[in-house]
Amino acid sequence: MIRIVLTDIEGTTSSISFVHDVLFPYAAEHLPGFIRAHHEDTPAVAEQLDAVAQASGIDRQDIEALIDILAVWIREDRKETSLKALQGMVWEQGYQQGELKGHIYPDAADYLKRWHDRGLRLFVYSSGSVKAQKLIFGFTSAGDFTPFFSGYFDTRIGGKKDENAYRNILAELGVDAATVLFLSDVEAELEAAEAAGLKTAWLVREGELPETGRFVARDFTEVDTLLQKR
């Protein structure tokens, strides 16, 4: 019986266009100034810049070169934990200043609340940092959804296409794999989750439905039919 819903964000609860057309450009525009302003007096920023320097081989003291490589990583949608953490800090400012509002599909907003009220435990697993996850759900155009979630996972638990990441999540939650339903719009992520024993639902919100043996849903309303059966 499904007791936990583990959900992706981009393409699942929220539109891909919001992430790529709003969040990424916002970070690209504001990250350089944010780093220049905080690289000396903010330990959390300094810690992430240390990680950027280590991953890139760039001199830690060359702030402009670090800013340049971060801009490249943003364009590449690089899954670097340090980049995601710095983006999260910039987005936090944007959300708090009212310049950003997180997108959430109406059906996702509806059923996240319903599932929570029904007693299901809800968790997020995204390549975006935990901070970014909390921001997108905490400042949505439909209100604050963070009270409905029991926890968050990012790439520190492992890559989303890596079977071991899902085993790590199971170990963290202390539950049997068969009690967890993972929602994503990326088939490779679903395959990794299934290899770890999780149940899955493939969100295909647009375009033709794939020919597959796994459960496919257009929206959370259809996902709920699967939950009702189990």
Protein backbone atom coordinates (compact mmCIF):
# COMPACT_ATOMS: atom_id res chain seq x y z
CA MET A 1 0.00 0.00 0.00
CA ILE A 2 1.35 3.43 -0.97
CA ARG A 3 2.00 5.55 2.11
CA ILE A 4 4.54 8.03 0.72
CA VAL A 5 4.53 10.17 -2.42
CA LEU A 6 7.97 11.33 -3.56
CA THR A 7 7.68 13.96 -6.27
CA ASP A 8 9.92 15.66 -8.76
CA ILE A 9 9.27 19.36 -9.44
CA GLU A 10 10.17 20.42 -12.98
CA GLY A 11 7.60 19.05 -15.42
CA THR A 12 5.75 17.29 -12.60
CA THR A 13 4.38 19.79 -10.07
CA SER A 14 5.63 22.86 -11.90
CA SER A 15 6.14 23.85 -15.52
CA ILE A 16 9.50 23.35 -17.20
CA SER A 17 9.11 26.80 -18.73
CA PHE A 18 8.96 28.42 -15.28
CA VAL A 19 12.31 26.92 -14.36
CA HIS A 20 14.02 27.62 -17.70
CA ASP A 21 12.32 30.88 -18.69
CA VAL A 22 12.00 32.53 -15.27
CA LEU A 23 14.27 31.03 -12.60
CA PHE A 24 17.40 30.37 -14.66
CA PRO A 25 17.43 33.81 -16.33
CA TYR A 26 16.78 35.47 -12.96
CA ALA A 27 19.76 33.64 -11.44
CA ALA A 28 21.96 34.40 -14.46
CA GLU A 29 21.15 38.10 -14.16
CA HIS A 30 21.46 38.47 -10.39
CA LEU A 31 24.12 35.89 -9.40
CA PRO A 32 27.18 37.97 -10.40
CA GLY A 33 26.16 40.95 -8.26
CA PHE A 34 25.11 38.67 -5.41
CA ILE A 35 28.51 36.95 -5.35
CA ARG A 36 30.43 40.23 -5.58
CA ALA A 37 28.42 41.58 -2.67
CA HIS A 38 28.63 38.52 -0.40
CA HIS A 39 31.73 36.47 -1.24
CA GLU A 40 33.74 37.95 1.63
CA ASP A 41 31.23 38.48 4.44
CA THR A 42 28.78 35.57 4.02
CA PRO A 43 30.17 32.16 5.09
CA ALA A 44 27.48 30.20 3.20
CA VAL A 45 28.45 31.92 -0.06
CA ALA A 46 32.17 31.43 0.60
CA GLU A 47 31.60 27.73 1.29
CA GLN A 48 29.88 27.22 -2.07
CA LEU A 49 32.52 29.22 -3.93
CA ASP A 50 35.15 26.92 -2.39
CA ALA A 51 33.25 23.99 -3.91
CA VAL A 52 32.98 25.74 -7.30
CA ALA A 53 36.73 26.36 -7.30
CA GLN A 54 37.45 22.74 -6.43
CA ALA A 55 35.11 21.37 -9.11
CA SER A 56 36.33 23.73 -11.84
CA GLY A 57 40.04 24.01 -11.02
CA ILE A 58 39.75 27.80 -10.96
CA ASP A 59 41.75 29.85 -8.45
CA ARG A 60 39.48 30.49 -5.44
CA GLN A 61 40.66 34.10 -5.28
CA ASP A 62 39.61 34.83 -8.87
CA ILE A 63 36.01 35.81 -8.17
CA GLU A 64 35.31 36.98 -11.73
CA ALA A 65 36.49 33.67 -13.18
CA LEU A 66 34.26 31.81 -10.72
CA ILE A 67 31.33 34.00 -11.76
CA ASP A 68 32.08 33.22 -15.42
CA ILE A 69 32.11 29.44 -14.87
CA LEU A 70 28.88 29.63 -12.91
CA ALA A 71 27.30 31.43 -15.88
CA VAL A 72 28.43 28.56 -18.12
CA TRP A 73 27.02 26.00 -15.71
CA ILE A 74 23.66 27.82 -15.68
CA ARG A 75 23.50 27.73 -19.49
CA GLU A 76 24.37 24.03 -19.43
CA ASP A 77 21.88 23.30 -16.62
CA ARG A 78 24.80 21.67 -14.82
CA LYS A 79 23.73 19.55 -11.82
CA GLU A 80 26.43 20.92 -9.51
CA THR A 81 25.33 21.11 -5.89
CA SER A 82 27.31 24.32 -5.35
CA LEU A 83 25.59 26.03 -8.28
CA LYS A 84 22.17 24.93 -7.07
CA ALA A 85 22.92 26.24 -3.59
CA LEU A 86 24.02 29.66 -4.90
CA GLN A 87 21.02 29.85 -7.21
CA GLY A 88 18.81 29.10 -4.22
CA MET A 89 20.29 32.03 -2.32
CA VAL A 90 19.63 34.39 -5.21
CA TRP A 91 16.10 33.07 -5.71
CA GLU A 92 15.42 33.49 -1.99
CA GLN A 93 16.05 37.21 -2.36
CA GLY A 94 13.77 37.32 -5.39
CA TYR A 95 10.93 35.51 -3.64
CA GLN A 96 11.21 37.56 -0.48
CA GLN A 97 11.25 40.80 -2.48
CA GLY A 98 8.15 39.71 -4.39
CA GLU A 99 9.98 39.54 -7.72
CA LEU A 100 9.38 35.78 -8.05
CA LYS A 101 6.31 33.60 -7.54
CA GLY A 102 6.65 29.83 -7.76
CA HIS A 103 4.58 28.07 -10.42
CA ILE A 104 2.47 25.07 -9.45
CA TYR A 105 -0.04 23.29 -11.66
CA PRO A 106 -3.61 23.66 -10.32
CA ASP A 107 -4.06 19.88 -10.23
CA ALA A 108 -0.83 19.47 -8.27
CA ALA A 109 -1.89 22.16 -5.81
CA ASP A 110 -5.25 20.45 -5.35
CA TYR A 111 -3.98 16.91 -4.87
CA LEU A 112 -0.94 17.69 -2.75
CA LYS A 113 -3.34 19.11 -0.20
CA ARG A 114 -5.79 16.22 -0.61
CA TRP A 115 -3.07 13.60 -0.24
CA HIS A 116 -1.67 15.31 2.83
CA ASP A 117 -5.13 15.51 4.39
CA ARG A 118 -5.67 11.85 3.51
CA GLY A 119 -2.64 10.91 5.61
CA LEU A 120 -0.05 10.35 2.88
CA ARG A 121 3.44 11.61 3.65
CA LEU A 122 4.79 13.88 0.89
CA PHE A 123 8.44 14.40 -0.01
CA VAL A 124 10.26 16.25 -2.77
CA TYR A 125 13.25 14.97 -4.73
CA SER A 126 14.71 17.46 -7.18
CA SER A 127 18.07 18.39 -8.65
CA GLY A 128 17.45 21.90 -7.31
CA SER A 129 18.75 22.53 -3.81
CA VAL A 130 16.53 21.92 -0.80
CA LYS A 131 16.48 25.69 -0.27
CA ALA A 132 15.22 26.22 -3.84
CA GLN A 133 12.59 23.51 -3.36
CA LYS A 134 11.26 25.15 -0.22
CA LEU A 135 11.15 28.51 -1.96
CA ILE A 136 9.25 27.35 -5.02
CA PHE A 137 6.61 25.67 -2.82
CA GLY A 138 6.66 28.35 -0.14
CA PHE A 139 6.03 31.27 -2.47
CA THR A 140 3.68 29.89 -5.13
CA SER A 141 1.01 31.96 -6.80
CA ALA A 142 -1.48 29.66 -5.01
CA GLY A 143 0.02 30.10 -1.54
CA ASP A 144 2.43 28.29 0.77
CA PHE A 145 2.57 24.52 0.24
CA THR A 146 5.51 23.74 2.51
CA PRO A 147 3.23 22.64 5.41
CA PHE A 148 2.12 19.69 3.28
CA PHE A 149 5.63 18.25 2.86
CA SER A 150 7.44 16.06 5.37
CA GLY A 151 10.89 16.51 3.81
CA TYR A 152 13.08 17.32 0.84
CA PHE A 153 15.94 15.63 -1.03
CA ASP A 154 18.41 17.09 -3.53
CA THR A 155 21.54 15.86 -5.31
CA ARG A 156 23.37 15.47 -2.00
CA ILE A 157 21.45 12.19 -1.65
CA GLY A 158 22.63 11.15 -5.14
CA GLY A 159 21.86 11.75 -8.80
CA LYS A 160 18.25 11.32 -9.90
CA LYS A 161 19.17 8.75 -12.56
CA ASP A 162 21.17 6.70 -10.06
CA GLU A 163 19.45 3.71 -8.46
CA ASN A 164 21.52 4.16 -5.29
CA ALA A 165 20.04 7.61 -4.72
CA TYR A 166 16.62 6.05 -4.26
CA ARG A 167 18.04 3.39 -1.98
CA ASN A 168 19.58 6.21 0.07
CA ILE A 169 16.19 7.92 0.28
CA LEU A 170 14.57 4.69 1.44
CA ALA A 171 17.24 4.27 4.10
CA GLU A 172 16.70 7.86 5.23
CA LEU A 173 12.94 7.35 5.45
CA GLY A 174 13.21 3.90 6.97
CA VAL A 175 10.39 2.48 4.84
CA ASP A 176 9.82 -0.39 2.45
CA ALA A 177 10.25 0.53 -1.22
CA ALA A 178 6.82 -0.80 -2.15
CA THR A 179 5.17 1.86 0.03
CA VAL A 180 6.68 4.75 -1.96
CA LEU A 181 5.30 6.21 -5.21
CA PHE A 182 7.75 8.35 -7.18
CA LEU A 183 6.40 10.94 -9.63
CA SER A 184 8.55 12.27 -12.46
CA ASP A 185 8.42 13.35 -16.09
CA VAL A 186 11.83 11.78 -16.89
CA GLU A 187 11.84 8.10 -17.85
CA ALA A 188 15.46 7.51 -16.81
CA GLU A 189 14.64 8.71 -13.29
CA LEU A 190 11.66 6.36 -13.14
CA GLU A 191 13.84 3.46 -14.27
CA ALA A 192 16.35 4.17 -11.49
CA ALA A 193 13.57 4.40 -8.90
CA GLU A 194 12.00 1.15 -10.11
CA ALA A 195 15.38 -0.58 -9.91
CA ALA A 196 15.39 0.35 -6.22
CA GLY A 197 11.89 -1.12 -5.82
CA LEU A 198 9.78 2.05 -5.77
CA LYS A 199 6.41 2.33 -7.49
CA THR A 200 6.34 5.03 -10.17
CA ALA A 201 4.03 7.27 -12.17
CA TRP A 202 5.25 8.94 -15.36
CA LEU A 203 3.86 12.46 -15.77
CA VAL A 204 3.42 13.30 -19.45
CA ARG A 205 1.57 16.60 -19.39
CA GLU A 206 1.93 17.43 -23.08
CA GLY A 207 2.45 15.63 -26.37
CA GLU A 208 1.76 12.04 -27.30
CA LEU A 209 1.54 9.43 -24.61
CA PRO A 210 4.41 6.92 -24.77
CA GLU A 211 3.89 3.23 -25.41
CA THR A 212 5.08 1.73 -22.15
CA GLY A 213 4.16 -0.79 -19.55
CA ARG A 214 4.52 1.67 -16.68
CA PHE A 215 1.75 3.86 -15.32
CA VAL A 216 1.43 7.14 -17.25
CA ALA A 217 -0.61 10.15 -16.15
CA ARG A 218 -1.50 13.47 -17.71
CA ASP A 219 -1.92 15.13 -14.32
CA PHE A 220 -2.28 14.49 -10.61
CA THR A 221 -5.97 13.67 -11.00
CA GLU A 222 -4.94 10.56 -12.92
CA VAL A 223 -2.18 9.79 -10.42
CA ASP A 224 -4.85 9.78 -7.73
CA THR A 225 -6.65 6.92 -9.50
CA LEU A 226 -3.52 4.84 -8.96
CA LEU A 227 -3.34 5.82 -5.30
CA GLN A 228 -7.00 4.98 -4.80
CA LYS A 229 -6.36 1.46 -6.12
CA ARG A 230 -3.54 0.92 -3.66
